[in-house]
């Protein structure tokens, strides 16, 4: 005959298992996103003769991002077409695409590959990675100034997007033309959006 003690022990074991199962979070899988080239635009600012900051943008960028909200990590790889540089000024665009700066004929792309993504709470906060420009690879850290995910209002597809900022020294990549009149420090301001694969 089952004793009262054994009965309570059995019930306690079942209750503990049920509660543990309910409390354990579902192990989320990493989610892959394809960057939307129409809404992923790397922009930059650079000092011009100490008078103003000139701006430019690259209109063709493509890549992938992976977000793992459970592990609070992720990765990103982006390829930028250097000939897609635009500034709204034809002469400046010609100079910047030439051999003194991006040398687009010899180096048609630059790439960024992350080495670490760090979260603050439930959202990515920084991305550490390597930028390859003019055949030279150097570390560059980007900081999220905005990040959010949701459903696209028209396509109803899941997407994430945000804004990143960072800085680099162009001389670190061998781009030394017209220093110091044209500044060495380059400020990065990047908008990025991606659709869930």
C-alpha atoms as a PDB file:
ATOM      1  CA  UNK A   1       0.000   0.000   0.000  1.00  0.00           C
ATOM      2  CA  UNK A   2       1.290   3.459  -0.993  1.00  0.00           C
ATOM      3  CA  UNK A   3       2.214   5.495   2.047  1.00  0.00           C
ATOM      4  CA  UNK A   4       1.118   9.100   2.441  1.00  0.00           C
ATOM      5  CA  UNK A   5       4.768  10.136   2.523  1.00  0.00           C
ATOM      6  CA  UNK A   6       5.494   8.396  -0.801  1.00  0.00           C
ATOM      7  CA  UNK A   7       2.425   9.965  -2.364  1.00  0.00           C
ATOM      8  CA  UNK A   8       3.471  13.486  -1.373  1.00  0.00           C
ATOM      9  CA  UNK A   9       7.022  12.823  -2.549  1.00  0.00           C
ATOM     10  CA  UNK A  10       5.744  11.695  -5.945  1.00  0.00           C
ATOM     11  CA  UNK A  11       3.450  14.686  -6.304  1.00  0.00           C
ATOM     12  CA  UNK A  12       6.276  17.040  -5.331  1.00  0.00           C
ATOM     13  CA  UNK A  13       8.544  15.521  -7.978  1.00  0.00           C
ATOM     14  CA  UNK A  14       5.892  15.886 -10.686  1.00  0.00           C
ATOM     15  CA  UNK A  15       5.138  19.490  -9.668  1.00  0.00           C
ATOM     16  CA  UNK A  16       8.839  20.380  -9.669  1.00  0.00           C
ATOM     17  CA  UNK A  17       9.282  18.947 -13.156  1.00  0.00           C
ATOM     18  CA  UNK A  18       6.249  20.814 -14.495  1.00  0.00           C
ATOM     19  CA  UNK A  19       7.350  24.125 -13.002  1.00  0.00           C
ATOM     20  CA  UNK A  20      10.905  23.687 -14.274  1.00  0.00           C
ATOM     21  CA  UNK A  21       9.640  23.000 -17.764  1.00  0.00           C
ATOM     22  CA  UNK A  22       7.395  26.049 -17.691  1.00  0.00           C
ATOM     23  CA  UNK A  23      10.171  28.306 -16.434  1.00  0.00           C
ATOM     24  CA  UNK A  24      12.852  27.151 -18.872  1.00  0.00           C
ATOM     25  CA  UNK A  25      13.018  29.539 -21.822  1.00  0.00           C
ATOM     26  CA  UNK A  26      12.718  28.095 -25.289  1.00  0.00           C
ATOM     27  CA  UNK A  27      16.146  27.957 -26.828  1.00  0.00           C
ATOM     28  CA  UNK A  28      15.918  30.495 -29.632  1.00  0.00           C
ATOM     29  CA  UNK A  29      17.782  29.736 -32.826  1.00  0.00           C
ATOM     30  CA  UNK A  30      19.993  32.279 -34.587  1.00  0.00           C
ATOM     31  CA  UNK A  31      18.058  34.222 -37.224  1.00  0.00           C
ATOM     32  CA  UNK A  32      19.603  35.167 -40.569  1.00  0.00           C
ATOM     33  CA  UNK A  33      18.825  38.410 -42.384  1.00  0.00           C
ATOM     34  CA  UNK A  34      19.677  39.617 -45.881  1.00  0.00           C
ATOM     35  CA  UNK A  35      20.514  43.300 -45.979  1.00  0.00           C
ATOM     36  CA  UNK A  36      18.131  45.409 -48.032  1.00  0.00           C
ATOM     37  CA  UNK A  37      20.329  47.222 -50.578  1.00  0.00           C
ATOM     38  CA  UNK A  38      17.726  49.973 -51.014  1.00  0.00           C
ATOM     39  CA  UNK A  39      17.884  50.850 -47.316  1.00  0.00           C
ATOM     40  CA  UNK A  40      21.470  50.024 -46.366  1.00  0.00           C
ATOM     41  CA  UNK A  41      23.617  53.086 -46.997  1.00  0.00           C
ATOM     42  CA  UNK A  42      27.102  53.619 -45.533  1.00  0.00           C
ATOM     43  CA  UNK A  43      27.747  57.362 -45.155  1.00  0.00           C
ATOM     44  CA  UNK A  44      30.755  59.285 -43.925  1.00  0.00           C
ATOM     45  CA  UNK A  45      31.908  62.769 -42.953  1.00  0.00           C
ATOM     46  CA  UNK A  46      35.418  64.174 -43.261  1.00  0.00           C
ATOM     47  CA  UNK A  47      36.951  67.515 -42.329  1.00  0.00           C
ATOM     48  CA  UNK A  48      37.668  69.870 -45.218  1.00  0.00           C
ATOM     49  CA  UNK A  49      40.354  72.502 -44.561  1.00  0.00           C
ATOM     50  CA  UNK A  50      39.117  72.896 -40.987  1.00  0.00           C
ATOM     51  CA  UNK A  51      36.096  74.740 -42.338  1.00  0.00           C
ATOM     52  CA  UNK A  52      33.329  72.183 -42.714  1.00  0.00           C
ATOM     53  CA  UNK A  53      32.595  68.475 -42.856  1.00  0.00           C
ATOM     54  CA  UNK A  54      32.072  67.087 -46.338  1.00  0.00           C
ATOM     55  CA  UNK A  55      29.751  64.094 -46.655  1.00  0.00           C
ATOM     56  CA  UNK A  56      29.539  61.139 -48.999  1.00  0.00           C
ATOM     57  CA  UNK A  57      27.673  57.863 -49.330  1.00  0.00           C
ATOM     58  CA  UNK A  58      27.939  54.483 -51.014  1.00  0.00           C
ATOM     59  CA  UNK A  59      24.702  53.525 -52.720  1.00  0.00           C
ATOM     60  CA  UNK A  60      25.445  49.840 -53.357  1.00  0.00           C
ATOM     61  CA  UNK A  61      26.005  47.629 -50.322  1.00  0.00           C
ATOM     62  CA  UNK A  62      24.994  44.001 -49.842  1.00  0.00           C
ATOM     63  CA  UNK A  63      25.450  41.455 -47.112  1.00  0.00           C
ATOM     64  CA  UNK A  64      24.121  39.186 -44.417  1.00  0.00           C
ATOM     65  CA  UNK A  65      23.546  39.472 -40.687  1.00  0.00           C
ATOM     66  CA  UNK A  66      22.836  36.808 -38.093  1.00  0.00           C
ATOM     67  CA  UNK A  67      21.241  37.654 -34.743  1.00  0.00           C
ATOM     68  CA  UNK A  68      21.107  35.261 -31.810  1.00  0.00           C
ATOM     69  CA  UNK A  69      18.969  36.935 -29.150  1.00  0.00           C
ATOM     70  CA  UNK A  70      19.239  33.980 -26.749  1.00  0.00           C
ATOM     71  CA  UNK A  71      23.050  33.842 -26.789  1.00  0.00           C
ATOM     72  CA  UNK A  72      23.207  37.650 -27.223  1.00  0.00           C
ATOM     73  CA  UNK A  73      25.601  37.491 -30.108  1.00  0.00           C
ATOM     74  CA  UNK A  74      25.603  37.707 -33.873  1.00  0.00           C
ATOM     75  CA  UNK A  75      27.604  38.430 -36.988  1.00  0.00           C
ATOM     76  CA  UNK A  76      27.574  40.609 -40.080  1.00  0.00           C
ATOM     77  CA  UNK A  77      29.318  40.618 -43.452  1.00  0.00           C
ATOM     78  CA  UNK A  78      28.975  43.509 -45.890  1.00  0.00           C
ATOM     79  CA  UNK A  79      30.433  44.211 -49.327  1.00  0.00           C
ATOM     80  CA  UNK A  80      30.376  47.799 -50.585  1.00  0.00           C
ATOM     81  CA  UNK A  81      30.848  48.779 -54.231  1.00  0.00           C
ATOM     82  CA  UNK A  82      33.337  51.660 -54.092  1.00  0.00           C
ATOM     83  CA  UNK A  83      32.286  53.036 -57.499  1.00  0.00           C
ATOM     84  CA  UNK A  84      28.817  53.674 -56.039  1.00  0.00           C
ATOM     85  CA  UNK A  85      30.232  56.653 -54.110  1.00  0.00           C
ATOM     86  CA  UNK A  86      28.123  59.770 -54.411  1.00  0.00           C
ATOM     87  CA  UNK A  87      28.359  63.261 -52.945  1.00  0.00           C
ATOM     88  CA  UNK A  88      26.132  65.359 -55.161  1.00  0.00           C
ATOM     89  CA  UNK A  89      29.227  66.995 -56.667  1.00  0.00           C
ATOM     90  CA  UNK A  90      30.507  65.470 -59.927  1.00  0.00           C
ATOM     91  CA  UNK A  91      34.075  66.799 -59.700  1.00  0.00           C
ATOM     92  CA  UNK A  92      34.484  65.651 -56.093  1.00  0.00           C
ATOM     93  CA  UNK A  93      33.132  62.209 -56.990  1.00  0.00           C
ATOM     94  CA  UNK A  94      35.724  61.871 -59.743  1.00  0.00           C
ATOM     95  CA  UNK A  95      38.572  62.771 -57.386  1.00  0.00           C
ATOM     96  CA  UNK A  96      37.389  60.490 -54.599  1.00  0.00           C
ATOM     97  CA  UNK A  97      36.973  57.529 -56.966  1.00  0.00           C
ATOM     98  CA  UNK A  98      40.458  58.106 -58.393  1.00  0.00           C
ATOM     99  CA  UNK A  99      43.866  56.737 -57.423  1.00  0.00           C
ATOM    100  CA  UNK A 100      44.432  59.245 -54.601  1.00  0.00           C
ATOM    101  CA  UNK A 101      41.470  57.934 -52.624  1.00  0.00           C
ATOM    102  CA  UNK A 102      39.309  54.844 -53.274  1.00  0.00           C
ATOM    103  CA  UNK A 103      41.021  53.821 -56.523  1.00  0.00           C
ATOM    104  CA  UNK A 104      37.840  52.104 -57.664  1.00  0.00           C
ATOM    105  CA  UNK A 105      39.362  50.528 -60.774  1.00  0.00           C
ATOM    106  CA  UNK A 106      41.918  48.547 -58.786  1.00  0.00           C
ATOM    107  CA  UNK A 107      39.764  48.083 -55.671  1.00  0.00           C
ATOM    108  CA  UNK A 108      36.102  47.839 -56.764  1.00  0.00           C
ATOM    109  CA  UNK A 109      34.915  46.684 -53.344  1.00  0.00           C
ATOM    110  CA  UNK A 110      35.578  47.118 -49.657  1.00  0.00           C
ATOM    111  CA  UNK A 111      34.355  44.612 -47.101  1.00  0.00           C
ATOM    112  CA  UNK A 112      33.462  44.517 -43.428  1.00  0.00           C
ATOM    113  CA  UNK A 113      33.394  41.231 -41.504  1.00  0.00           C
ATOM    114  CA  UNK A 114      32.487  41.164 -37.850  1.00  0.00           C
ATOM    115  CA  UNK A 115      34.534  39.364 -35.240  1.00  0.00           C
ATOM    116  CA  UNK A 116      32.187  39.991 -32.282  1.00  0.00           C
ATOM    117  CA  UNK A 117      28.754  41.450 -31.596  1.00  0.00           C
ATOM    118  CA  UNK A 118      27.927  42.604 -28.095  1.00  0.00           C
ATOM    119  CA  UNK A 119      24.453  43.151 -26.695  1.00  0.00           C
ATOM    120  CA  UNK A 120      23.090  45.580 -24.134  1.00  0.00           C
ATOM    121  CA  UNK A 121      19.943  44.007 -22.751  1.00  0.00           C
ATOM    122  CA  UNK A 122      17.970  42.458 -25.604  1.00  0.00           C
ATOM    123  CA  UNK A 123      19.470  44.484 -28.451  1.00  0.00           C
ATOM    124  CA  UNK A 124      22.893  44.556 -30.114  1.00  0.00           C
ATOM    125  CA  UNK A 125      24.997  47.483 -28.915  1.00  0.00           C
ATOM    126  CA  UNK A 126      28.347  47.191 -30.717  1.00  0.00           C
ATOM    127  CA  UNK A 127      29.887  45.304 -33.604  1.00  0.00           C
ATOM    128  CA  UNK A 128      33.624  44.672 -33.711  1.00  0.00           C
ATOM    129  CA  UNK A 129      35.102  43.666 -37.021  1.00  0.00           C
ATOM    130  CA  UNK A 130      37.665  44.083 -39.759  1.00  0.00           C
ATOM    131  CA  UNK A 131      37.352  46.541 -42.629  1.00  0.00           C
ATOM    132  CA  UNK A 132      39.309  45.764 -45.783  1.00  0.00           C
ATOM    133  CA  UNK A 133      39.925  48.877 -47.872  1.00  0.00           C
ATOM    134  CA  UNK A 134      42.561  49.381 -50.591  1.00  0.00           C
ATOM    135  CA  UNK A 135      43.802  45.866 -49.845  1.00  0.00           C
ATOM    136  CA  UNK A 136      44.521  46.742 -46.205  1.00  0.00           C
ATOM    137  CA  UNK A 137      42.604  45.190 -43.295  1.00  0.00           C
ATOM    138  CA  UNK A 138      42.185  47.018 -39.999  1.00  0.00           C
ATOM    139  CA  UNK A 139      39.802  46.655 -37.013  1.00  0.00           C
ATOM    140  CA  UNK A 140      36.796  48.990 -36.868  1.00  0.00           C
ATOM    141  CA  UNK A 141      34.161  49.080 -34.125  1.00  0.00           C
ATOM    142  CA  UNK A 142      30.631  50.269 -34.861  1.00  0.00           C
ATOM    143  CA  UNK A 143      28.063  51.332 -32.254  1.00  0.00           C
ATOM    144  CA  UNK A 144      24.304  51.025 -32.646  1.00  0.00           C
ATOM    145  CA  UNK A 145      22.566  54.338 -32.022  1.00  0.00           C
ATOM    146  CA  UNK A 146      19.217  52.768 -32.889  1.00  0.00           C
ATOM    147  CA  UNK A 147      17.994  49.193 -33.360  1.00  0.00           C
ATOM    148  CA  UNK A 148      14.546  47.682 -33.734  1.00  0.00           C
ATOM    149  CA  UNK A 149      12.757  44.724 -35.324  1.00  0.00           C
ATOM    150  CA  UNK A 150       9.222  44.367 -36.599  1.00  0.00           C
ATOM    151  CA  UNK A 151       6.964  43.595 -39.526  1.00  0.00           C
ATOM    152  CA  UNK A 152       7.318  45.561 -42.740  1.00  0.00           C
ATOM    153  CA  UNK A 153       4.034  47.475 -43.163  1.00  0.00           C
ATOM    154  CA  UNK A 154       3.693  46.659 -46.859  1.00  0.00           C
ATOM    155  CA  UNK A 155       5.326  43.259 -47.418  1.00  0.00           C
ATOM    156  CA  UNK A 156       4.476  41.904 -43.919  1.00  0.00           C
ATOM    157  CA  UNK A 157       7.931  40.314 -43.817  1.00  0.00           C
ATOM    158  CA  UNK A 158       9.937  40.339 -40.588  1.00  0.00           C
ATOM    159  CA  UNK A 159      12.823  42.773 -40.658  1.00  0.00           C
ATOM    160  CA  UNK A 160      15.343  44.487 -38.403  1.00  0.00           C
ATOM    161  CA  UNK A 161      17.082  47.792 -38.859  1.00  0.00           C
ATOM    162  CA  UNK A 162      18.964  50.573 -37.205  1.00  0.00           C
ATOM    163  CA  UNK A 163      21.765  53.082 -37.342  1.00  0.00           C
ATOM    164  CA  UNK A 164      25.445  52.634 -36.564  1.00  0.00           C
ATOM    165  CA  UNK A 165      28.271  55.065 -35.991  1.00  0.00           C
ATOM    166  CA  UNK A 166      32.027  54.797 -35.724  1.00  0.00           C
ATOM    167  CA  UNK A 167      35.324  56.359 -36.718  1.00  0.00           C
ATOM    168  CA  UNK A 168      38.463  55.335 -38.545  1.00  0.00           C
ATOM    169  CA  UNK A 169      41.703  56.902 -39.745  1.00  0.00           C
ATOM    170  CA  UNK A 170      42.025  56.756 -43.505  1.00  0.00           C
ATOM    171  CA  UNK A 171      45.822  56.839 -43.261  1.00  0.00           C
ATOM    172  CA  UNK A 172      45.648  53.438 -41.538  1.00  0.00           C
ATOM    173  CA  UNK A 173      44.526  52.056 -44.904  1.00  0.00           C
ATOM    174  CA  UNK A 174      47.188  53.877 -46.901  1.00  0.00           C
ATOM    175  CA  UNK A 175      44.857  56.693 -48.001  1.00  0.00           C
ATOM    176  CA  UNK A 176      47.087  59.676 -47.269  1.00  0.00           C
ATOM    177  CA  UNK A 177      46.315  62.131 -50.065  1.00  0.00           C
ATOM    178  CA  UNK A 178      46.055  65.811 -49.076  1.00  0.00           C
ATOM    179  CA  UNK A 179      46.684  65.277 -45.364  1.00  0.00           C
ATOM    180  CA  UNK A 180      46.181  67.293 -43.204  1.00  0.00           C
ATOM    181  CA  UNK A 181      44.034  69.676 -45.282  1.00  0.00           C
ATOM    182  CA  UNK A 182      41.595  66.835 -45.836  1.00  0.00           C
ATOM    183  CA  UNK A 183      41.144  65.256 -42.428  1.00  0.00           C
ATOM    184  CA  UNK A 184      42.501  61.884 -41.383  1.00  0.00           C
ATOM    185  CA  UNK A 185      39.590  60.938 -39.120  1.00  0.00           C
ATOM    186  CA  UNK A 186      36.506  59.704 -40.940  1.00  0.00           C
ATOM    187  CA  UNK A 187      33.162  59.662 -39.154  1.00  0.00           C
ATOM    188  CA  UNK A 188      30.893  56.793 -40.171  1.00  0.00           C
ATOM    189  CA  UNK A 189      27.093  57.002 -40.113  1.00  0.00           C
ATOM    190  CA  UNK A 190      25.419  53.894 -41.471  1.00  0.00           C
ATOM    191  CA  UNK A 191      21.756  53.099 -41.931  1.00  0.00           C
ATOM    192  CA  UNK A 192      20.954  49.422 -42.280  1.00  0.00           C
ATOM    193  CA  UNK A 193      17.840  47.307 -42.767  1.00  0.00           C
ATOM    194  CA  UNK A 194      17.504  43.602 -43.417  1.00  0.00           C
ATOM    195  CA  UNK A 195      14.774  41.070 -44.118  1.00  0.00           C
ATOM    196  CA  UNK A 196      14.549  37.718 -42.349  1.00  0.00           C
ATOM    197  CA  UNK A 197      15.597  34.872 -44.677  1.00  0.00           C
END
